[in-house]
Amino acid sequence: MAEHNLQIVATSVRYYSQLDERAFFEWLDRMPFVSGYNGVARDLFIALTRIPTYEDLWEIIGFCRRYGVDMKQLEKFVTDENRRWLPAEIARSLPTTNGSQPPNPANRNAKP
């Protein structure tokens, strides 16, 4: 994976107080897989040190949900191994690595 792909971008994050903004950056600073971040206009580029592990992905998902960061950008970290437990907004619409579509949970009881 190219190094520029080891980043996520937080755009136009809304903070509800100064303490909320402080908590945002403190959370970033506590994530061991975040190597740094740099703001440009409304975007905060968050650099990762590695491809996220299982634990890392859950931490990123929680962070993104809390601060409204677009999780579609996490699609680049989807694998056949993590697809089944990742939230639908990240993994369900992507093709698998062999080119087939993942099963649609809505069709679980459908007859062939």
PDB file of N, CA and C in Angstrom:
ATOM      1  N   MET A   1       0.859  -1.176   0.000  1.00  0.00           N
ATOM      2  CA  MET A   1       0.000   0.000   0.000  1.00  0.00           C
ATOM      3  C   MET A   1       0.902   1.235   0.000  1.00  0.00           C
ATOM      4  N   ALA A   2       0.621   2.168  -0.888  1.00  0.00           N
ATOM      5  CA  ALA A   2       1.408   3.391  -0.975  1.00  0.00           C
ATOM      6  C   ALA A   2       1.297   4.196   0.316  1.00  0.00           C
ATOM      7  N   GLU A   3       2.367   4.902   0.633  1.00  0.00           N
ATOM      8  CA  GLU A   3       2.400   5.654   1.891  1.00  0.00           C
ATOM      9  C   GLU A   3       1.292   6.691   1.989  1.00  0.00           C
ATOM     10  N   HIS A   4       0.935   7.346   0.870  1.00  0.00           N
ATOM     11  CA  HIS A   4      -0.135   8.348   0.922  1.00  0.00           C
ATOM     12  C   HIS A   4      -1.483   7.712   1.238  1.00  0.00           C
ATOM     13  N   ASN A   5      -1.610   6.394   1.041  1.00  0.00           N
ATOM     14  CA  ASN A   5      -2.847   5.713   1.401  1.00  0.00           C
ATOM     15  C   ASN A   5      -2.925   5.411   2.888  1.00  0.00           C
ATOM     16  N   LEU A   6      -1.813   5.574   3.593  1.00  0.00           N
ATOM     17  CA  LEU A   6      -1.810   5.341   5.036  1.00  0.00           C
ATOM     18  C   LEU A   6      -2.150   6.633   5.764  1.00  0.00           C
ATOM     19  N   GLN A   7      -3.247   7.214   5.355  1.00  0.00           N
ATOM     20  CA  GLN A   7      -3.743   8.420   6.025  1.00  0.00           C
ATOM     21  C   GLN A   7      -5.251   8.476   5.892  1.00  0.00           C
ATOM     22  N   ILE A   8      -5.849   9.182   6.814  1.00  0.00           N
ATOM     23  CA  ILE A   8      -7.266   9.512   6.696  1.00  0.00           C
ATOM     24  C   ILE A   8      -7.368  11.030   6.825  1.00  0.00           C
ATOM     25  N   VAL A   9      -8.452  11.572   6.338  1.00  0.00           N
ATOM     26  CA  VAL A   9      -8.633  13.017   6.342  1.00  0.00           C
ATOM     27  C   VAL A   9      -9.909  13.357   7.106  1.00  0.00           C
ATOM     28  N   ALA A  10      -9.762  14.208   8.090  1.00  0.00           N
ATOM     29  CA  ALA A  10     -10.908  14.718   8.839  1.00  0.00           C
ATOM     30  C   ALA A  10     -11.223  16.101   8.277  1.00  0.00           C
ATOM     31  N   THR A  11     -12.388  16.255   7.689  1.00  0.00           N
ATOM     32  CA  THR A  11     -12.765  17.499   7.033  1.00  0.00           C
ATOM     33  C   THR A  11     -13.876  18.196   7.811  1.00  0.00           C
ATOM     34  N   SER A  12     -13.669  19.468   8.056  1.00  0.00           N
ATOM     35  CA  SER A  12     -14.681  20.313   8.708  1.00  0.00           C
ATOM     36  C   SER A  12     -15.253  19.680   9.977  1.00  0.00           C
ATOM     37  N   VAL A  13     -14.358  19.227  10.840  1.00  0.00           N
ATOM     38  CA  VAL A  13     -14.806  18.628  12.100  1.00  0.00           C
ATOM     39  C   VAL A  13     -15.472  19.699  12.952  1.00  0.00           C
ATOM     40  N   ARG A  14     -16.597  19.345  13.557  1.00  0.00           N
ATOM     41  CA  ARG A  14     -17.319  20.283  14.429  1.00  0.00           C
ATOM     42  C   ARG A  14     -16.991  19.940  15.878  1.00  0.00           C
ATOM     43  N   TYR A  15     -16.469  20.930  16.580  1.00  0.00           N
ATOM     44  CA  TYR A  15     -16.200  20.793  18.008  1.00  0.00           C
ATOM     45  C   TYR A  15     -17.288  21.566  18.747  1.00  0.00           C
ATOM     46  N   TYR A  16     -17.785  20.999  19.826  1.00  0.00           N
ATOM     47  CA  TYR A  16     -18.873  21.627  20.563  1.00  0.00           C
ATOM     48  C   TYR A  16     -18.381  22.474  21.725  1.00  0.00           C
ATOM     49  N   SER A  17     -17.091  22.390  22.001  1.00  0.00           N
ATOM     50  CA  SER A  17     -16.496  23.223  23.043  1.00  0.00           C
ATOM     51  C   SER A  17     -14.978  23.135  22.898  1.00  0.00           C
ATOM     52  N   GLN A  18     -14.276  23.975  23.632  1.00  0.00           N
ATOM     53  CA  GLN A  18     -12.821  23.895  23.612  1.00  0.00           C
ATOM     54  C   GLN A  18     -12.339  22.568  24.177  1.00  0.00           C
ATOM     55  N   LEU A  19     -13.035  22.061  25.182  1.00  0.00           N
ATOM     56  CA  LEU A  19     -12.650  20.764  25.743  1.00  0.00           C
ATOM     57  C   LEU A  19     -12.887  19.635  24.735  1.00  0.00           C
ATOM     58  N   ASP A  20     -13.912  19.760  23.921  1.00  0.00           N
ATOM     59  CA  ASP A  20     -14.181  18.772  22.888  1.00  0.00           C
ATOM     60  C   ASP A  20     -13.057  18.776  21.858  1.00  0.00           C
ATOM     61  N   GLU A  21     -12.623  19.945  21.456  1.00  0.00           N
ATOM     62  CA  GLU A  21     -11.509  20.040  20.515  1.00  0.00           C
ATOM     63  C   GLU A  21     -10.244  19.445  21.128  1.00  0.00           C
ATOM     64  N   ARG A  22     -10.019  19.751  22.372  1.00  0.00           N
ATOM     65  CA  ARG A  22      -8.847  19.203  23.079  1.00  0.00           C
ATOM     66  C   ARG A  22      -8.919  17.671  23.126  1.00  0.00           C
ATOM     67  N   ALA A  23     -10.107  17.134  23.416  1.00  0.00           N
ATOM     68  CA  ALA A  23     -10.288  15.685  23.466  1.00  0.00           C
ATOM     69  C   ALA A  23     -10.001  15.043  22.106  1.00  0.00           C
ATOM     70  N   PHE A  24     -10.407  15.707  21.026  1.00  0.00           N
ATOM     71  CA  PHE A  24     -10.149  15.224  19.672  1.00  0.00           C
ATOM     72  C   PHE A  24      -8.656  15.005  19.462  1.00  0.00           C
ATOM     73  N   PHE A  25      -7.847  16.018  19.752  1.00  0.00           N
ATOM     74  CA  PHE A  25      -6.409  15.916  19.521  1.00  0.00           C
ATOM     75  C   PHE A  25      -5.719  15.003  20.525  1.00  0.00           C
ATOM     76  N   GLU A  26      -6.223  14.968  21.737  1.00  0.00           N
ATOM     77  CA  GLU A  26      -5.659  14.037  22.717  1.00  0.00           C
ATOM     78  C   GLU A  26      -5.923  12.588  22.305  1.00  0.00           C
ATOM     79  N   TRP A  27      -7.097  12.339  21.739  1.00  0.00           N
ATOM     80  CA  TRP A  27      -7.415  10.998  21.257  1.00  0.00           C
ATOM     81  C   TRP A  27      -6.446  10.618  20.141  1.00  0.00           C
ATOM     82  N   LEU A  28      -6.238  11.526  19.196  1.00  0.00           N
ATOM     83  CA  LEU A  28      -5.274  11.259  18.127  1.00  0.00           C
ATOM     84  C   LEU A  28      -3.890  10.959  18.701  1.00  0.00           C
ATOM     85  N   ASP A  29      -3.468  11.753  19.668  1.00  0.00           N
ATOM     86  CA  ASP A  29      -2.135  11.580  20.255  1.00  0.00           C
ATOM     87  C   ASP A  29      -1.988  10.253  20.992  1.00  0.00           C
ATOM     88  N   ARG A  30      -3.074   9.685  21.469  1.00  0.00           N
ATOM     89  CA  ARG A  30      -3.013   8.412  22.201  1.00  0.00           C
ATOM     90  C   ARG A  30      -3.066   7.192  21.293  1.00  0.00           C
ATOM     91  N   MET A  31      -3.428   7.370  20.035  1.00  0.00           N
ATOM     92  CA  MET A  31      -3.496   6.225  19.125  1.00  0.00           C
ATOM     93  C   MET A  31      -2.075   5.865  18.679  1.00  0.00           C
ATOM     94  N   PRO A  32      -1.586   4.664  19.037  1.00  0.00           N
ATOM     95  CA  PRO A  32      -0.202   4.305  18.734  1.00  0.00           C
ATOM     96  C   PRO A  32       0.109   4.176  17.244  1.00  0.00           C
ATOM     97  N   PHE A  33      -0.892   4.032  16.422  1.00  0.00           N
ATOM     98  CA  PHE A  33      -0.697   3.873  14.983  1.00  0.00           C
ATOM     99  C   PHE A  33      -0.796   5.200  14.223  1.00  0.00           C
ATOM    100  N   VAL A  34      -1.014   6.297  14.919  1.00  0.00           N
ATOM    101  CA  VAL A  34      -1.040   7.631  14.290  1.00  0.00           C
ATOM    102  C   VAL A  34       0.338   8.247  14.465  1.00  0.00           C
ATOM    103  N   SER A  35       0.978   8.568  13.349  1.00  0.00           N
ATOM    104  CA  SER A  35       2.331   9.137  13.417  1.00  0.00           C
ATOM    105  C   SER A  35       2.320  10.655  13.478  1.00  0.00           C
ATOM    106  N   GLY A  36       1.213  11.270  13.096  1.00  0.00           N
ATOM    107  CA  GLY A  36       1.125  12.723  13.137  1.00  0.00           C
ATOM    108  C   GLY A  36      -0.066  13.209  12.348  1.00  0.00           C
ATOM    109  N   TYR A  37      -0.239  14.509  12.343  1.00  0.00           N
ATOM    110  CA  TYR A  37      -1.342  15.107  11.608  1.00  0.00           C
ATOM    111  C   TYR A  37      -0.953  16.524  11.220  1.00  0.00           C
ATOM    112  N   ASN A  38      -1.576  16.989  10.141  1.00  0.00           N
ATOM    113  CA  ASN A  38      -1.265  18.307   9.600  1.00  0.00           C
ATOM    114  C   ASN A  38      -2.533  18.907   9.017  1.00  0.00           C
ATOM    115  N   GLY A  39      -2.853  20.124   9.416  1.00  0.00           N
ATOM    116  CA  GLY A  39      -4.049  20.782   8.931  1.00  0.00           C
ATOM    117  C   GLY A  39      -3.776  21.689   7.748  1.00  0.00           C
ATOM    118  N   VAL A  40      -4.665  21.627   6.769  1.00  0.00           N
ATOM    119  CA  VAL A  40      -4.640  22.511   5.609  1.00  0.00           C
ATOM    120  C   VAL A  40      -6.085  22.938   5.366  1.00  0.00           C
ATOM    121  N   ALA A  41      -6.341  24.232   5.554  1.00  0.00           N
ATOM    122  CA  ALA A  41      -7.702  24.778   5.422  1.00  0.00           C
ATOM    123  C   ALA A  41      -8.645  23.998   6.339  1.00  0.00           C
ATOM    124  N   ARG A  42      -9.676  23.370   5.782  1.00  0.00           N
ATOM    125  CA  ARG A  42     -10.656  22.630   6.601  1.00  0.00           C
ATOM    126  C   ARG A  42     -10.298  21.155   6.783  1.00  0.00           C
ATOM    127  N   ASP A  43      -9.189  20.727   6.217  1.00  0.00           N
ATOM    128  CA  ASP A  43      -8.799  19.319   6.257  1.00  0.00           C
ATOM    129  C   ASP A  43      -7.681  19.086   7.260  1.00  0.00           C
ATOM    130  N   LEU A  44      -7.805  17.998   8.013  1.00  0.00           N
ATOM    131  CA  LEU A  44      -6.739  17.543   8.890  1.00  0.00           C
ATOM    132  C   LEU A  44      -6.298  16.194   8.358  1.00  0.00           C
ATOM    133  N   PHE A  45      -5.068  16.128   7.861  1.00  0.00           N
ATOM    134  CA  PHE A  45      -4.504  14.904   7.310  1.00  0.00           C
ATOM    135  C   PHE A  45      -3.861  14.131   8.452  1.00  0.00           C
ATOM    136  N   ILE A  46      -4.352  12.924   8.680  1.00  0.00           N
ATOM    137  CA  ILE A  46      -3.902  12.095   9.792  1.00  0.00           C
ATOM    138  C   ILE A  46      -3.081  10.949   9.219  1.00  0.00           C
ATOM    139  N   ALA A  47      -1.785  10.950   9.507  1.00  0.00           N
ATOM    140  CA  ALA A  47      -0.870   9.937   8.980  1.00  0.00           C
ATOM    141  C   ALA A  47      -0.830   8.725   9.903  1.00  0.00           C
ATOM    142  N   LEU A  48      -0.885   7.545   9.293  1.00  0.00           N
ATOM    143  CA  LEU A  48      -0.832   6.293  10.042  1.00  0.00           C
ATOM    144  C   LEU A  48       0.544   5.650   9.860  1.00  0.00           C
ATOM    145  N   THR A  49       0.992   4.942  10.883  1.00  0.00           N
ATOM    146  CA  THR A  49       2.300   4.296  10.824  1.00  0.00           C
ATOM    147  C   THR A  49       2.237   2.927  10.175  1.00  0.00           C
ATOM    148  N   ARG A  50       1.031   2.358  10.074  1.00  0.00           N
ATOM    149  CA  ARG A  50       0.895   1.000   9.559  1.00  0.00           C
ATOM    150  C   ARG A  50      -0.519   0.795   9.038  1.00  0.00           C
ATOM    151  N   ILE A  51      -0.706  -0.293   8.314  1.00  0.00           N
ATOM    152  CA  ILE A  51      -2.049  -0.700   7.934  1.00  0.00           C
ATOM    153  C   ILE A  51      -2.763  -1.062   9.234  1.00  0.00           C
ATOM    154  N   PRO A  52      -3.932  -0.538   9.473  1.00  0.00           N
ATOM    155  CA  PRO A  52      -4.608  -0.758  10.751  1.00  0.00           C
ATOM    156  C   PRO A  52      -4.885  -2.232  11.049  1.00  0.00           C
ATOM    157  N   THR A  53      -4.625  -2.614  12.287  1.00  0.00           N
ATOM    158  CA  THR A  53      -4.947  -3.944  12.786  1.00  0.00           C
ATOM    159  C   THR A  53      -6.421  -3.987  13.165  1.00  0.00           C
ATOM    160  N   TYR A  54      -6.881  -5.123  13.638  1.00  0.00           N
ATOM    161  CA  TYR A  54      -8.248  -5.278  14.124  1.00  0.00           C
ATOM    162  C   TYR A  54      -8.564  -4.213  15.173  1.00  0.00           C
ATOM    163  N   GLU A  55      -7.710  -4.119  16.194  1.00  0.00           N
ATOM    164  CA  GLU A  55      -7.921  -3.142  17.268  1.00  0.00           C
ATOM    165  C   GLU A  55      -7.851  -1.707  16.742  1.00  0.00           C
ATOM    166  N   ASP A  56      -6.891  -1.451  15.849  1.00  0.00           N
ATOM    167  CA  ASP A  56      -6.749  -0.116  15.258  1.00  0.00           C
ATOM    168  C   ASP A  56      -8.018   0.299  14.526  1.00  0.00           C
ATOM    169  N   LEU A  57      -8.577  -0.620  13.738  1.00  0.00           N
ATOM    170  CA  LEU A  57      -9.780  -0.291  12.968  1.00  0.00           C
ATOM    171  C   LEU A  57     -10.944   0.074  13.876  1.00  0.00           C
ATOM    172  N   TRP A  58     -11.108  -0.669  14.979  1.00  0.00           N
ATOM    173  CA  TRP A  58     -12.189  -0.317  15.892  1.00  0.00           C
ATOM    174  C   TRP A  58     -11.957   1.048  16.519  1.00  0.00           C
ATOM    175  N   GLU A  59     -10.708   1.367  16.807  1.00  0.00           N
ATOM    176  CA  GLU A  59     -10.396   2.686  17.372  1.00  0.00           C
ATOM    177  C   GLU A  59     -10.703   3.790  16.346  1.00  0.00           C
ATOM    178  N   ILE A  60     -10.313   3.565  15.103  1.00  0.00           N
ATOM    179  CA  ILE A  60     -10.574   4.552  14.041  1.00  0.00           C
ATOM    180  C   ILE A  60     -12.075   4.707  13.822  1.00  0.00           C
ATOM    181  N   ILE A  61     -12.797   3.594  13.821  1.00  0.00           N
ATOM    182  CA  ILE A  61     -14.249   3.645  13.621  1.00  0.00           C
ATOM    183  C   ILE A  61     -14.907   4.462  14.729  1.00  0.00           C
ATOM    184  N   GLY A  62     -14.529   4.219  15.966  1.00  0.00           N
ATOM    185  CA  GLY A  62     -15.084   4.990  17.080  1.00  0.00           C
ATOM    186  C   GLY A  62     -14.775   6.460  16.959  1.00  0.00           C
ATOM    187  N   PHE A  63     -13.542   6.771  16.601  1.00  0.00           N
ATOM    188  CA  PHE A  63     -13.100   8.154  16.425  1.00  0.00           C
ATOM    189  C   PHE A  63     -13.899   8.826  15.302  1.00  0.00           C
ATOM    190  N   CYS A  64     -14.016   8.135  14.170  1.00  0.00           N
ATOM    191  CA  CYS A  64     -14.739   8.701  13.022  1.00  0.00           C
ATOM    192  C   CYS A  64     -16.207   8.929  13.345  1.00  0.00           C
ATOM    193  N   ARG A  65     -16.815   7.973  14.015  1.00  0.00           N
ATOM    194  CA  ARG A  65     -18.226   8.140  14.369  1.00  0.00           C
ATOM    195  C   ARG A  65     -18.420   9.301  15.329  1.00  0.00           C
ATOM    196  N   ARG A  66     -17.558   9.404  16.303  1.00  0.00           N
ATOM    197  CA  ARG A  66     -17.693  10.467  17.310  1.00  0.00           C
ATOM    198  C   ARG A  66     -17.564  11.848  16.687  1.00  0.00           C
ATOM    199  N   TYR A  67     -16.621  12.019  15.774  1.00  0.00           N
ATOM    200  CA  TYR A  67     -16.350  13.349  15.221  1.00  0.00           C
ATOM    201  C   TYR A  67     -16.854  13.535  13.792  1.00  0.00           C
ATOM    202  N   GLY A  68     -17.639  12.606  13.288  1.00  0.00           N
ATOM    203  CA  GLY A  68     -18.244  12.776  11.969  1.00  0.00           C
ATOM    204  C   GLY A  68     -17.268  12.720  10.817  1.00  0.00           C
ATOM    205  N   VAL A  69     -16.185  11.983  10.982  1.00  0.00           N
ATOM    206  CA  VAL A  69     -15.196  11.827   9.910  1.00  0.00           C
ATOM    207  C   VAL A  69     -15.726  10.776   8.938  1.00  0.00           C
ATOM    208  N   ASP A  70     -15.644  11.063   7.651  1.00  0.00           N
ATOM    209  CA  ASP A  70     -16.164  10.179   6.612  1.00  0.00           C
ATOM    210  C   ASP A  70     -15.474   8.815   6.668  1.00  0.00           C
ATOM    211  N   MET A  71     -16.249   7.781   6.935  1.00  0.00           N
ATOM    212  CA  MET A  71     -15.676   6.439   7.052  1.00  0.00           C
ATOM    213  C   MET A  71     -15.512   5.734   5.712  1.00  0.00           C
ATOM    214  N   LYS A  72     -16.063   6.270   4.636  1.00  0.00           N
ATOM    215  CA  LYS A  72     -15.881   5.648   3.324  1.00  0.00           C
ATOM    216  C   LYS A  72     -14.403   5.548   2.972  1.00  0.00           C
ATOM    217  N   GLN A  73     -13.591   6.450   3.504  1.00  0.00           N
ATOM    218  CA  GLN A  73     -12.164   6.425   3.203  1.00  0.00           C
ATOM    219  C   GLN A  73     -11.459   5.227   3.863  1.00  0.00           C
ATOM    220  N   LEU A  74     -12.139   4.539   4.761  1.00  0.00           N
ATOM    221  CA  LEU A  74     -11.565   3.346   5.384  1.00  0.00           C
ATOM    222  C   LEU A  74     -11.694   2.120   4.488  1.00  0.00           C
ATOM    223  N   GLU A  75     -12.409   2.256   3.360  1.00  0.00           N
ATOM    224  CA  GLU A  75     -12.571   1.152   2.412  1.00  0.00           C
ATOM    225  C   GLU A  75     -11.228   0.571   1.982  1.00  0.00           C
ATOM    226  N   LYS A  76     -10.203   1.395   1.912  1.00  0.00           N
ATOM    227  CA  LYS A  76      -8.894   0.922   1.450  1.00  0.00           C
ATOM    228  C   LYS A  76      -8.266  -0.080   2.410  1.00  0.00           C
ATOM    229  N   PHE A  77      -8.816  -0.211   3.625  1.00  0.00           N
ATOM    230  CA  PHE A  77      -8.297  -1.155   4.605  1.00  0.00           C
ATOM    231  C   PHE A  77      -9.129  -2.427   4.694  1.00  0.00           C
ATOM    232  N   VAL A  78     -10.145  -2.578   3.826  1.00  0.00           N
ATOM    233  CA  VAL A  78     -11.000  -3.757   3.848  1.00  0.00           C
ATOM    234  C   VAL A  78     -10.248  -4.936   3.235  1.00  0.00           C
ATOM    235  N   THR A  79     -10.336  -6.077   3.921  1.00  0.00           N
ATOM    236  CA  THR A  79      -9.772  -7.334   3.423  1.00  0.00           C
ATOM    237  C   THR A  79     -10.867  -8.395   3.500  1.00  0.00           C
ATOM    238  N   ASP A  80     -10.613  -9.541   2.901  1.00  0.00           N
ATOM    239  CA  ASP A  80     -11.573 -10.634   3.011  1.00  0.00           C
ATOM    240  C   ASP A  80     -11.737 -11.062   4.461  1.00  0.00           C
ATOM    241  N   GLU A  81     -10.694 -10.921   5.260  1.00  0.00           N
ATOM    242  CA  GLU A  81     -10.739 -11.332   6.659  1.00  0.00           C
ATOM    243  C   GLU A  81     -11.581 -10.396   7.529  1.00  0.00           C
ATOM    244  N   ASN A  82     -11.547  -9.077   7.258  1.00  0.00           N
ATOM    245  CA  ASN A  82     -12.264  -8.148   8.139  1.00  0.00           C
ATOM    246  C   ASN A  82     -13.615  -7.688   7.583  1.00  0.00           C
ATOM    247  N   ARG A  83     -13.912  -8.036   6.370  1.00  0.00           N
ATOM    248  CA  ARG A  83     -15.141  -7.577   5.710  1.00  0.00           C
ATOM    249  C   ARG A  83     -16.400  -7.925   6.502  1.00  0.00           C
ATOM    250  N   ARG A  84     -16.450  -9.113   7.092  1.00  0.00           N
ATOM    251  CA  ARG A  84     -17.671  -9.580   7.753  1.00  0.00           C
ATOM    252  C   ARG A  84     -17.992  -8.827   9.038  1.00  0.00           C
ATOM    253  N   TRP A  85     -17.006  -8.272   9.708  1.00  0.00           N
ATOM    254  CA  TRP A  85     -17.294  -7.571  10.959  1.00  0.00           C
ATOM    255  C   TRP A  85     -17.209  -6.058  10.850  1.00  0.00           C
ATOM    256  N   LEU A  86     -16.701  -5.533   9.736  1.00  0.00           N
ATOM    257  CA  LEU A  86     -16.665  -4.077   9.572  1.00  0.00           C
ATOM    258  C   LEU A  86     -18.075  -3.540   9.385  1.00  0.00           C
ATOM    259  N   PRO A  87     -18.337  -2.332   9.864  1.00  0.00           N
ATOM    260  CA  PRO A  87     -19.667  -1.737   9.666  1.00  0.00           C
ATOM    261  C   PRO A  87     -20.022  -1.633   8.180  1.00  0.00           C
ATOM    262  N   ALA A  88     -21.300  -1.751   7.900  1.00  0.00           N
ATOM    263  CA  ALA A  88     -21.790  -1.758   6.522  1.00  0.00           C
ATOM    264  C   ALA A  88     -21.370  -0.529   5.733  1.00  0.00           C
ATOM    265  N   GLU A  89     -21.295   0.623   6.378  1.00  0.00           N
ATOM    266  CA  GLU A  89     -20.949   1.827   5.620  1.00  0.00           C
ATOM    267  C   GLU A  89     -19.508   1.792   5.106  1.00  0.00           C
ATOM    268  N   ILE A  90     -18.725   0.845   5.566  1.00  0.00           N
ATOM    269  CA  ILE A  90     -17.348   0.717   5.098  1.00  0.00           C
ATOM    270  C   ILE A  90     -17.210  -0.420   4.092  1.00  0.00           C
ATOM    271  N   ALA A  91     -17.720  -1.597   4.428  1.00  0.00           N
ATOM    272  CA  ALA A  91     -17.320  -2.789   3.689  1.00  0.00           C
ATOM    273  C   ALA A  91     -18.370  -3.474   2.840  1.00  0.00           C
ATOM    274  N   ARG A  92     -19.627  -3.285   3.070  1.00  0.00           N
ATOM    275  CA  ARG A  92     -20.620  -4.136   2.425  1.00  0.00           C
ATOM    276  C   ARG A  92     -20.786  -3.910   0.927  1.00  0.00           C
ATOM    277  N   SER A  93     -20.480  -2.748   0.434  1.00  0.00           N
ATOM    278  CA  SER A  93     -20.708  -2.483  -0.983  1.00  0.00           C
ATOM    279  C   SER A  93     -19.484  -2.750  -1.846  1.00  0.00           C
ATOM    280  N   LEU A  94     -18.388  -3.131  -1.230  1.00  0.00           N
ATOM    281  CA  LEU A  94     -17.164  -3.342  -1.992  1.00  0.00           C
ATOM    282  C   LEU A  94     -17.076  -4.753  -2.550  1.00  0.00           C
ATOM    283  N   PRO A  95     -16.481  -4.919  -3.727  1.00  0.00           N
ATOM    284  CA  PRO A  95     -16.257  -6.272  -4.231  1.00  0.00           C
ATOM    285  C   PRO A  95     -15.164  -6.945  -3.401  1.00  0.00           C
ATOM    286  N   THR A  96     -15.191  -8.268  -3.347  1.00  0.00           N
ATOM    287  CA  THR A  96     -14.126  -8.985  -2.661  1.00  0.00           C
ATOM    288  C   THR A  96     -12.885  -8.955  -3.533  1.00  0.00           C
ATOM    289  N   THR A  97     -11.776  -9.439  -2.997  1.00  0.00           N
ATOM    290  CA  THR A  97     -10.531  -9.389  -3.746  1.00  0.00           C
ATOM    291  C   THR A  97     -10.565 -10.269  -4.988  1.00  0.00           C
ATOM    292  N   ASN A  98     -11.475 -11.245  -5.048  1.00  0.00           N
ATOM    293  CA  ASN A  98     -11.559 -12.076  -6.243  1.00  0.00           C
ATOM    294  C   ASN A  98     -12.557 -11.527  -7.259  1.00  0.00           C
ATOM    295  N   GLY A  99     -13.119 -10.358  -6.967  1.00  0.00           N
ATOM    296  CA  GLY A  99     -14.003  -9.690  -7.911  1.00  0.00           C
ATOM    297  C   GLY A  99     -15.477  -9.954  -7.712  1.00  0.00           C
ATOM    298  N   SER A 100     -15.837 -10.903  -6.849  1.00  0.00           N
ATOM    299  CA  SER A 100     -17.253 -11.162  -6.617  1.00  0.00           C
ATOM    300  C   SER A 100     -17.790 -10.199  -5.569  1.00  0.00           C
ATOM    301  N   GLN A 101     -19.095 -10.026  -5.560  1.00  0.00           N
ATOM    302  CA  GLN A 101     -19.716  -9.148  -4.577  1.00  0.00           C
ATOM    303  C   GLN A 101     -19.901  -9.911  -3.275  1.00  0.00           C
ATOM    304  N   PRO A 102     -19.759  -9.243  -2.131  1.00  0.00           N
ATOM    305  CA  PRO A 102     -20.030  -9.905  -0.863  1.00  0.00           C
ATOM    306  C   PRO A 102     -21.516 -10.210  -0.742  1.00  0.00           C
ATOM    307  N   PRO A 103     -21.864 -11.186   0.093  1.00  0.00           N
ATOM    308  CA  PRO A 103     -23.286 -11.507   0.236  1.00  0.00           C
ATOM    309  C   PRO A 103     -24.063 -10.344   0.812  1.00  0.00           C
ATOM    310  N   ASN A 104     -25.295 -10.192   0.367  1.00  0.00           N
ATOM    311  CA  ASN A 104     -26.170  -9.137   0.855  1.00  0.00           C
ATOM    312  C   ASN A 104     -26.970  -9.703   2.023  1.00  0.00           C
ATOM    313  N   PRO A 105     -26.775  -9.171   3.258  1.00  0.00           N
ATOM    314  CA  PRO A 105     -27.503  -9.700   4.408  1.00  0.00           C
ATOM    315  C   PRO A 105     -29.019  -9.645   4.244  1.00  0.00           C
ATOM    316  N   ALA A 106     -29.539  -8.735   3.453  1.00  0.00           N
ATOM    317  CA  ALA A 106     -30.988  -8.624   3.244  1.00  0.00           C
ATOM    318  C   ALA A 106     -31.530  -9.825   2.486  1.00  0.00           C
ATOM    319  N   ASN A 107     -30.675 -10.488   1.740  1.00  0.00           N
ATOM    320  CA  ASN A 107     -31.096 -11.633   0.931  1.00  0.00           C
ATOM    321  C   ASN A 107     -30.827 -12.953   1.639  1.00  0.00           C
ATOM    322  N   ARG A 108     -30.544 -12.928   2.907  1.00  0.00           N
ATOM    323  CA  ARG A 108     -30.161 -14.119   3.650  1.00  0.00           C
ATOM    324  C   ARG A 108     -31.216 -15.216   3.567  1.00  0.00           C
ATOM    325  N   ASN A 109     -32.487 -14.850   3.592  1.00  0.00           N
ATOM    326  CA  ASN A 109     -33.549 -15.845   3.577  1.00  0.00           C
ATOM    327  C   ASN A 109     -34.134 -16.068   2.190  1.00  0.00           C
ATOM    328  N   ALA A 110     -33.561 -15.415   1.191  1.00  0.00           N
ATOM    329  CA  ALA A 110     -34.066 -15.565  -0.169  1.00  0.00           C
ATOM    330  C   ALA A 110     -33.754 -16.956  -0.700  1.00  0.00           C
ATOM    331  N   LYS A 111     -34.688 -17.504  -1.506  1.00  0.00           N
ATOM    332  CA  LYS A 111     -34.453 -18.816  -2.108  1.00  0.00           C
ATOM    333  C   LYS A 111     -33.740 -18.626  -3.431  1.00  0.00           C
ATOM    334  N   PRO A 112     -32.821 -19.537  -3.733  1.00  0.00           N
ATOM    335  CA  PRO A 112     -32.079 -19.416  -5.008  1.00  0.00           C
ATOM    336  C   PRO A 112     -32.948 -19.626  -6.217  1.00  0.00           C
TER     337      PRO A 112
END
